[in-house]
């Protein structure tokens, strides 16, 4: 693969800071209250959800254009869950992608576009087979 872009971010831990090498991203990190923290910062699950939702929205637009189907205004809400992994006692993730499509695409055509986007989105590819993912069209 020819790498077109590399994002570089340094984190000092789940309860610290994350800073990108270009200075465009600088966030305070904190454990969410559900994991015993004060919640006064973002967390890795939110960052993954933001990246995945943005990437999936973009991929869905590309898939629509390639199929010559006007997708109109779309949005994706990614939900990343974290919990105990029954297989090893550590932690594991789950994902839900809520895809808001225009009313005229809330049908089989829209479902196919969403499935094609899920097949092509780099974040979906990276998580495929590693975490359970549910696709919901709204």
N, C-alpha and C. Protein backbone atom coordinates (compact mmCIF):
# COMPACT_ATOMS: atom_id res chain seq x y z
N UNK A 1 0.84 -1.17 0.00
CA UNK A 1 0.00 0.00 0.00
C UNK A 1 0.89 1.24 0.00
N UNK A 2 0.57 2.20 -0.86
CA UNK A 2 1.22 3.50 -0.82
C UNK A 2 0.48 4.35 0.20
N UNK A 3 1.14 4.69 1.29
CA UNK A 3 0.52 5.50 2.32
C UNK A 3 0.41 6.93 1.81
N UNK A 4 -0.81 7.48 1.84
CA UNK A 4 -1.05 8.84 1.37
C UNK A 4 -0.94 9.87 2.49
N UNK A 5 -1.19 9.43 3.71
CA UNK A 5 -1.16 10.35 4.84
C UNK A 5 -0.97 9.53 6.11
N UNK A 6 -0.23 10.05 7.05
CA UNK A 6 -0.05 9.43 8.35
C UNK A 6 -0.35 10.45 9.43
N UNK A 7 -1.31 10.14 10.28
CA UNK A 7 -1.60 10.98 11.44
C UNK A 7 -0.72 10.49 12.58
N UNK A 8 -0.10 11.43 13.27
CA UNK A 8 0.76 11.08 14.39
C UNK A 8 0.27 11.81 15.63
N UNK A 9 -0.11 11.04 16.63
CA UNK A 9 -0.62 11.60 17.88
C UNK A 9 0.09 10.91 19.04
N UNK A 10 0.51 11.71 20.01
CA UNK A 10 1.15 11.18 21.21
C UNK A 10 0.20 11.38 22.39
N UNK A 11 -0.04 10.30 23.14
CA UNK A 11 -0.89 10.36 24.32
C UNK A 11 -0.07 10.02 25.55
N UNK A 12 -0.43 10.65 26.66
CA UNK A 12 0.27 10.39 27.92
C UNK A 12 -0.55 9.48 28.83
N UNK A 13 -1.56 8.84 28.29
CA UNK A 13 -2.39 7.90 29.06
C UNK A 13 -3.85 8.26 28.98
N UNK A 14 -4.69 7.36 29.50
CA UNK A 14 -6.13 7.58 29.46
C UNK A 14 -6.54 8.78 30.30
N UNK A 15 -5.72 9.18 31.24
CA UNK A 15 -6.01 10.32 32.10
C UNK A 15 -4.88 11.33 31.94
N UNK A 16 -4.74 11.84 30.72
CA UNK A 16 -3.64 12.75 30.41
C UNK A 16 -4.01 13.67 29.27
N UNK A 17 -3.16 13.69 28.24
CA UNK A 17 -3.39 14.54 27.07
C UNK A 17 -3.04 13.75 25.81
N UNK A 18 -3.63 14.18 24.70
CA UNK A 18 -3.27 13.65 23.39
C UNK A 18 -3.01 14.85 22.49
N UNK A 19 -1.87 14.82 21.80
CA UNK A 19 -1.47 15.95 20.97
C UNK A 19 -0.95 15.41 19.64
N UNK A 20 -1.44 16.02 18.54
CA UNK A 20 -0.98 15.62 17.22
C UNK A 20 0.33 16.33 16.89
N UNK A 21 1.09 15.70 16.02
CA UNK A 21 2.40 16.26 15.67
C UNK A 21 2.29 17.60 14.95
N UNK A 22 1.13 17.86 14.29
CA UNK A 22 0.97 19.14 13.60
C UNK A 22 0.27 20.19 14.46
N UNK A 23 -0.07 19.84 15.70
CA UNK A 23 -0.68 20.79 16.62
C UNK A 23 -2.17 21.02 16.39
N UNK A 24 -2.76 20.36 15.42
CA UNK A 24 -4.18 20.57 15.12
C UNK A 24 -5.11 19.90 16.14
N UNK A 25 -4.59 18.90 16.84
CA UNK A 25 -5.38 18.20 17.85
C UNK A 25 -4.65 18.26 19.16
N UNK A 26 -5.31 18.76 20.18
CA UNK A 26 -4.77 18.75 21.53
C UNK A 26 -5.94 18.64 22.48
N UNK A 27 -6.06 17.48 23.10
CA UNK A 27 -7.22 17.24 23.96
C UNK A 27 -6.79 16.69 25.31
N UNK A 28 -7.57 17.05 26.31
CA UNK A 28 -7.42 16.48 27.64
C UNK A 28 -8.13 15.14 27.62
N UNK A 29 -7.49 14.14 28.16
CA UNK A 29 -8.09 12.81 28.25
C UNK A 29 -8.49 12.53 29.68
N UNK A 30 -9.63 11.86 29.84
CA UNK A 30 -10.10 11.50 31.18
C UNK A 30 -10.96 10.24 31.09
N UNK A 31 -10.91 9.47 32.15
CA UNK A 31 -11.81 8.33 32.23
C UNK A 31 -13.24 8.84 32.34
N UNK A 32 -14.19 8.21 31.63
CA UNK A 32 -15.59 8.59 31.81
C UNK A 32 -16.07 8.15 33.19
N UNK A 33 -17.11 8.78 33.72
CA UNK A 33 -17.62 8.38 35.04
C UNK A 33 -17.97 6.89 35.12
N UNK A 34 -18.46 6.32 34.03
CA UNK A 34 -18.82 4.90 34.04
C UNK A 34 -17.61 3.99 34.29
N UNK A 35 -16.41 4.53 34.05
CA UNK A 35 -15.19 3.75 34.30
C UNK A 35 -14.41 4.29 35.50
N UNK A 36 -15.11 5.07 36.34
CA UNK A 36 -14.49 5.54 37.57
C UNK A 36 -13.79 6.88 37.48
N UNK A 37 -13.93 7.58 36.37
CA UNK A 37 -13.25 8.87 36.22
C UNK A 37 -14.18 10.04 36.47
N UNK A 38 -13.61 11.24 36.32
CA UNK A 38 -14.42 12.45 36.52
C UNK A 38 -15.09 12.92 35.23
N UNK A 39 -14.70 12.35 34.10
CA UNK A 39 -15.32 12.72 32.83
C UNK A 39 -14.96 14.10 32.34
N UNK A 40 -13.94 14.72 32.91
CA UNK A 40 -13.57 16.09 32.53
C UNK A 40 -12.51 16.08 31.44
N UNK A 41 -12.84 15.42 30.36
CA UNK A 41 -11.97 15.31 29.19
C UNK A 41 -12.58 14.30 28.26
N UNK A 42 -12.05 14.20 27.07
CA UNK A 42 -12.54 13.21 26.13
C UNK A 42 -11.88 11.87 26.46
N UNK A 43 -12.27 10.83 25.73
CA UNK A 43 -11.70 9.52 25.98
C UNK A 43 -11.49 8.80 24.64
N UNK A 44 -10.71 7.73 24.64
CA UNK A 44 -10.41 7.04 23.38
C UNK A 44 -11.65 6.56 22.64
N UNK A 45 -12.69 6.17 23.37
CA UNK A 45 -13.91 5.70 22.71
C UNK A 45 -14.58 6.83 21.94
N UNK A 46 -14.60 8.02 22.50
CA UNK A 46 -15.17 9.17 21.80
C UNK A 46 -14.34 9.52 20.57
N UNK A 47 -13.03 9.45 20.70
CA UNK A 47 -12.17 9.77 19.56
C UNK A 47 -12.34 8.75 18.44
N UNK A 48 -12.45 7.47 18.78
CA UNK A 48 -12.70 6.45 17.77
C UNK A 48 -14.06 6.68 17.12
N UNK A 49 -15.08 6.99 17.93
CA UNK A 49 -16.42 7.22 17.39
C UNK A 49 -16.42 8.41 16.42
N UNK A 50 -15.72 9.48 16.77
CA UNK A 50 -15.66 10.66 15.90
C UNK A 50 -14.99 10.33 14.57
N UNK A 51 -13.86 9.66 14.63
CA UNK A 51 -13.14 9.31 13.41
C UNK A 51 -13.94 8.36 12.53
N UNK A 52 -14.54 7.35 13.14
CA UNK A 52 -15.31 6.37 12.38
C UNK A 52 -16.53 7.00 11.75
N UNK A 53 -17.25 7.84 12.50
CA UNK A 53 -18.45 8.49 11.96
C UNK A 53 -18.10 9.39 10.78
N UNK A 54 -17.03 10.15 10.90
CA UNK A 54 -16.62 11.05 9.82
C UNK A 54 -16.20 10.25 8.59
N UNK A 55 -15.39 9.22 8.79
CA UNK A 55 -14.92 8.40 7.68
C UNK A 55 -16.07 7.68 6.99
N UNK A 56 -16.98 7.13 7.79
CA UNK A 56 -18.11 6.39 7.22
C UNK A 56 -19.01 7.31 6.40
N UNK A 57 -19.26 8.52 6.91
CA UNK A 57 -20.07 9.49 6.17
C UNK A 57 -19.44 9.80 4.82
N UNK A 58 -18.14 10.03 4.82
CA UNK A 58 -17.42 10.32 3.59
C UNK A 58 -17.48 9.13 2.63
N UNK A 59 -17.25 7.94 3.14
CA UNK A 59 -17.27 6.74 2.29
C UNK A 59 -18.66 6.53 1.71
N UNK A 60 -19.70 6.76 2.49
CA UNK A 60 -21.06 6.61 2.00
C UNK A 60 -21.34 7.58 0.85
N UNK A 61 -20.84 8.80 0.95
CA UNK A 61 -20.98 9.76 -0.14
C UNK A 61 -20.29 9.30 -1.40
N UNK A 62 -19.10 8.75 -1.26
CA UNK A 62 -18.35 8.23 -2.41
C UNK A 62 -19.10 7.07 -3.05
N UNK A 63 -19.60 6.15 -2.23
CA UNK A 63 -20.35 5.00 -2.74
C UNK A 63 -21.58 5.46 -3.50
N UNK A 64 -22.28 6.45 -2.97
CA UNK A 64 -23.46 7.00 -3.65
C UNK A 64 -23.10 7.62 -5.00
N UNK A 65 -22.04 8.42 -5.01
CA UNK A 65 -21.62 9.05 -6.28
C UNK A 65 -21.22 8.00 -7.31
N UNK A 66 -20.50 6.98 -6.87
CA UNK A 66 -20.08 5.93 -7.81
C UNK A 66 -21.28 5.18 -8.37
N UNK A 67 -22.34 5.03 -7.58
CA UNK A 67 -23.55 4.35 -8.03
C UNK A 67 -24.51 5.31 -8.73
N UNK A 68 -24.10 6.59 -8.82
CA UNK A 68 -24.93 7.63 -9.44
C UNK A 68 -26.29 7.76 -8.72
N UNK A 69 -26.20 7.69 -7.37
CA UNK A 69 -27.38 7.86 -6.53
C UNK A 69 -27.13 9.06 -5.62
N UNK A 70 -28.00 10.03 -5.70
CA UNK A 70 -27.87 11.23 -4.86
C UNK A 70 -28.22 10.85 -3.42
N UNK A 71 -27.24 10.95 -2.54
CA UNK A 71 -27.49 10.58 -1.15
C UNK A 71 -28.08 11.73 -0.35
N UNK A 72 -27.99 12.94 -0.87
CA UNK A 72 -28.52 14.08 -0.13
C UNK A 72 -27.75 14.27 1.17
N UNK A 73 -28.43 14.85 2.13
CA UNK A 73 -27.80 15.12 3.42
C UNK A 73 -27.84 13.84 4.27
N UNK A 74 -26.66 13.36 4.64
CA UNK A 74 -26.56 12.16 5.45
C UNK A 74 -25.74 12.47 6.69
N UNK A 75 -25.94 11.69 7.72
CA UNK A 75 -25.09 11.80 8.91
C UNK A 75 -24.94 10.41 9.51
N UNK A 76 -23.85 10.23 10.22
CA UNK A 76 -23.59 8.95 10.87
C UNK A 76 -23.24 9.24 12.33
N UNK A 77 -23.90 8.54 13.21
CA UNK A 77 -23.59 8.59 14.64
C UNK A 77 -22.96 7.26 15.01
N UNK A 78 -21.73 7.31 15.48
CA UNK A 78 -21.04 6.09 15.90
C UNK A 78 -21.12 5.98 17.41
N UNK A 79 -21.45 4.80 17.87
CA UNK A 79 -21.48 4.51 19.31
C UNK A 79 -20.43 3.43 19.58
N UNK A 80 -19.47 3.75 20.41
CA UNK A 80 -18.43 2.80 20.78
C UNK A 80 -18.62 2.43 22.24
N UNK A 81 -18.87 1.15 22.47
CA UNK A 81 -19.02 0.66 23.84
C UNK A 81 -17.75 -0.04 24.27
N UNK A 82 -17.49 0.00 25.57
CA UNK A 82 -16.36 -0.72 26.14
C UNK A 82 -16.86 -1.49 27.34
N UNK A 83 -16.39 -2.71 27.47
CA UNK A 83 -16.81 -3.54 28.59
C UNK A 83 -15.84 -4.67 28.79
N UNK A 84 -16.14 -5.48 29.77
CA UNK A 84 -15.29 -6.63 30.09
C UNK A 84 -15.40 -7.68 29.00
N UNK A 85 -14.25 -8.20 28.59
CA UNK A 85 -14.17 -9.26 27.59
C UNK A 85 -14.25 -10.60 28.32
N UNK A 86 -15.33 -11.34 28.08
CA UNK A 86 -15.53 -12.62 28.75
C UNK A 86 -14.46 -13.65 28.40
N UNK A 87 -13.80 -13.48 27.25
CA UNK A 87 -12.83 -14.49 26.83
C UNK A 87 -11.50 -14.41 27.59
N UNK A 88 -11.09 -13.18 27.98
CA UNK A 88 -9.79 -13.07 28.64
C UNK A 88 -9.80 -12.20 29.90
N UNK A 89 -10.96 -11.67 30.27
CA UNK A 89 -11.04 -10.84 31.47
C UNK A 89 -10.57 -9.41 31.29
N UNK A 90 -10.06 -9.09 30.09
CA UNK A 90 -9.65 -7.72 29.80
C UNK A 90 -10.84 -6.89 29.35
N UNK A 91 -10.59 -5.95 28.46
CA UNK A 91 -11.66 -5.12 27.93
C UNK A 91 -11.83 -5.36 26.44
N UNK A 92 -13.01 -5.08 25.94
CA UNK A 92 -13.31 -5.22 24.52
C UNK A 92 -14.27 -4.10 24.11
N UNK A 93 -14.34 -3.86 22.82
CA UNK A 93 -15.20 -2.81 22.27
C UNK A 93 -16.38 -3.39 21.50
N UNK A 94 -17.42 -2.58 21.37
CA UNK A 94 -18.53 -2.86 20.47
C UNK A 94 -18.79 -1.60 19.67
N UNK A 95 -19.44 -1.74 18.53
CA UNK A 95 -19.75 -0.58 17.70
C UNK A 95 -21.15 -0.62 17.16
N UNK A 96 -21.78 0.54 17.11
CA UNK A 96 -23.06 0.73 16.45
C UNK A 96 -22.90 1.95 15.55
N UNK A 97 -23.29 1.81 14.28
CA UNK A 97 -23.29 2.94 13.35
C UNK A 97 -24.74 3.24 13.01
N UNK A 98 -25.21 4.41 13.43
CA UNK A 98 -26.57 4.86 13.13
C UNK A 98 -26.48 5.82 11.94
N UNK A 99 -27.00 5.36 10.81
CA UNK A 99 -26.88 6.11 9.57
C UNK A 99 -28.22 6.79 9.27
N UNK A 100 -28.19 8.12 9.27
CA UNK A 100 -29.40 8.88 8.97
C UNK A 100 -29.41 9.20 7.48
N UNK A 101 -30.34 8.59 6.77
CA UNK A 101 -30.48 8.80 5.33
C UNK A 101 -31.75 9.60 5.05
N UNK A 102 -31.79 10.28 3.90
CA UNK A 102 -33.03 10.94 3.50
C UNK A 102 -34.14 9.90 3.36
N UNK A 103 -35.36 10.35 3.54
CA UNK A 103 -36.51 9.45 3.53
C UNK A 103 -36.58 8.60 2.26
N UNK A 104 -36.22 9.17 1.11
CA UNK A 104 -36.31 8.41 -0.14
C UNK A 104 -35.25 7.32 -0.27
N UNK A 105 -34.28 7.29 0.67
CA UNK A 105 -33.26 6.23 0.65
C UNK A 105 -33.42 5.25 1.82
N UNK A 106 -34.51 5.37 2.55
CA UNK A 106 -34.74 4.44 3.65
C UNK A 106 -35.46 3.20 3.09
N UNK A 107 -34.74 2.51 2.23
CA UNK A 107 -35.27 1.33 1.54
C UNK A 107 -34.11 0.40 1.22
N UNK A 108 -34.33 -0.57 0.36
CA UNK A 108 -33.30 -1.54 0.01
C UNK A 108 -32.08 -0.87 -0.66
N UNK A 109 -32.33 0.14 -1.48
CA UNK A 109 -31.23 0.86 -2.12
C UNK A 109 -30.33 1.51 -1.06
N UNK A 110 -30.95 2.17 -0.09
CA UNK A 110 -30.19 2.80 0.99
C UNK A 110 -29.42 1.77 1.80
N UNK A 111 -30.05 0.64 2.09
CA UNK A 111 -29.40 -0.44 2.85
C UNK A 111 -28.17 -0.94 2.10
N UNK A 112 -28.30 -1.10 0.77
CA UNK A 112 -27.15 -1.58 -0.03
C UNK A 112 -26.02 -0.57 -0.01
N UNK A 113 -26.35 0.73 -0.10
CA UNK A 113 -25.31 1.76 -0.05
C UNK A 113 -24.58 1.73 1.29
N UNK A 114 -25.34 1.58 2.37
CA UNK A 114 -24.74 1.52 3.70
C UNK A 114 -23.83 0.29 3.83
N UNK A 115 -24.29 -0.84 3.33
CA UNK A 115 -23.47 -2.05 3.39
C UNK A 115 -22.20 -1.91 2.54
N UNK A 116 -22.31 -1.25 1.38
CA UNK A 116 -21.12 -1.02 0.56
C UNK A 116 -20.15 -0.07 1.26
N UNK A 117 -20.70 0.95 1.92
CA UNK A 117 -19.84 1.87 2.67
C UNK A 117 -19.14 1.13 3.81
N UNK A 118 -19.85 0.25 4.47
CA UNK A 118 -19.26 -0.53 5.56
C UNK A 118 -18.15 -1.45 5.03
N UNK A 119 -18.33 -1.95 3.83
CA UNK A 119 -17.31 -2.81 3.21
C UNK A 119 -16.07 -2.00 2.83
N UNK A 120 -16.24 -0.72 2.51
CA UNK A 120 -15.12 0.08 2.01
C UNK A 120 -14.50 1.06 2.99
N UNK A 121 -15.21 1.42 4.04
CA UNK A 121 -14.70 2.40 5.00
C UNK A 121 -13.45 1.84 5.71
N UNK A 122 -12.34 2.58 5.72
CA UNK A 122 -11.13 2.08 6.38
C UNK A 122 -11.32 1.72 7.85
N UNK A 123 -12.14 2.47 8.57
CA UNK A 123 -12.39 2.16 9.98
C UNK A 123 -13.18 0.85 10.09
N UNK A 124 -14.15 0.66 9.22
CA UNK A 124 -14.91 -0.59 9.22
C UNK A 124 -14.01 -1.76 8.89
N UNK A 125 -13.12 -1.55 7.93
CA UNK A 125 -12.17 -2.62 7.59
C UNK A 125 -11.27 -2.95 8.78
N UNK A 126 -10.82 -1.93 9.48
CA UNK A 126 -9.90 -2.14 10.61
C UNK A 126 -10.56 -2.89 11.76
N UNK A 127 -11.86 -2.70 11.93
CA UNK A 127 -12.55 -3.34 13.05
C UNK A 127 -13.23 -4.65 12.65
N UNK A 128 -13.37 -4.90 11.36
CA UNK A 128 -14.08 -6.10 10.89
C UNK A 128 -13.48 -7.37 11.48
N UNK A 129 -14.33 -8.17 12.09
CA UNK A 129 -13.89 -9.42 12.68
C UNK A 129 -13.26 -9.25 14.05
N UNK A 130 -13.06 -8.00 14.47
CA UNK A 130 -12.44 -7.73 15.77
C UNK A 130 -13.44 -7.29 16.83
N UNK A 131 -14.49 -6.59 16.41
CA UNK A 131 -15.53 -6.17 17.34
C UNK A 131 -16.89 -6.35 16.67
N UNK A 132 -17.93 -6.64 17.45
CA UNK A 132 -19.26 -6.71 16.85
C UNK A 132 -19.71 -5.30 16.46
N UNK A 133 -20.29 -5.19 15.26
CA UNK A 133 -20.76 -3.90 14.75
C UNK A 133 -22.18 -4.06 14.25
N UNK A 134 -23.05 -3.16 14.65
CA UNK A 134 -24.44 -3.14 14.19
C UNK A 134 -24.66 -1.91 13.32
N UNK A 135 -25.27 -2.11 12.16
CA UNK A 135 -25.63 -1.00 11.27
C UNK A 135 -27.11 -0.73 11.42
N UNK A 136 -27.46 0.51 11.71
CA UNK A 136 -28.86 0.90 11.86
C UNK A 136 -29.14 2.08 10.94
N UNK A 137 -30.17 1.94 10.09
CA UNK A 137 -30.56 3.04 9.22
C UNK A 137 -31.75 3.75 9.85
N UNK A 138 -31.61 5.06 9.97
CA UNK A 138 -32.66 5.88 10.59
C UNK A 138 -33.20 6.88 9.60
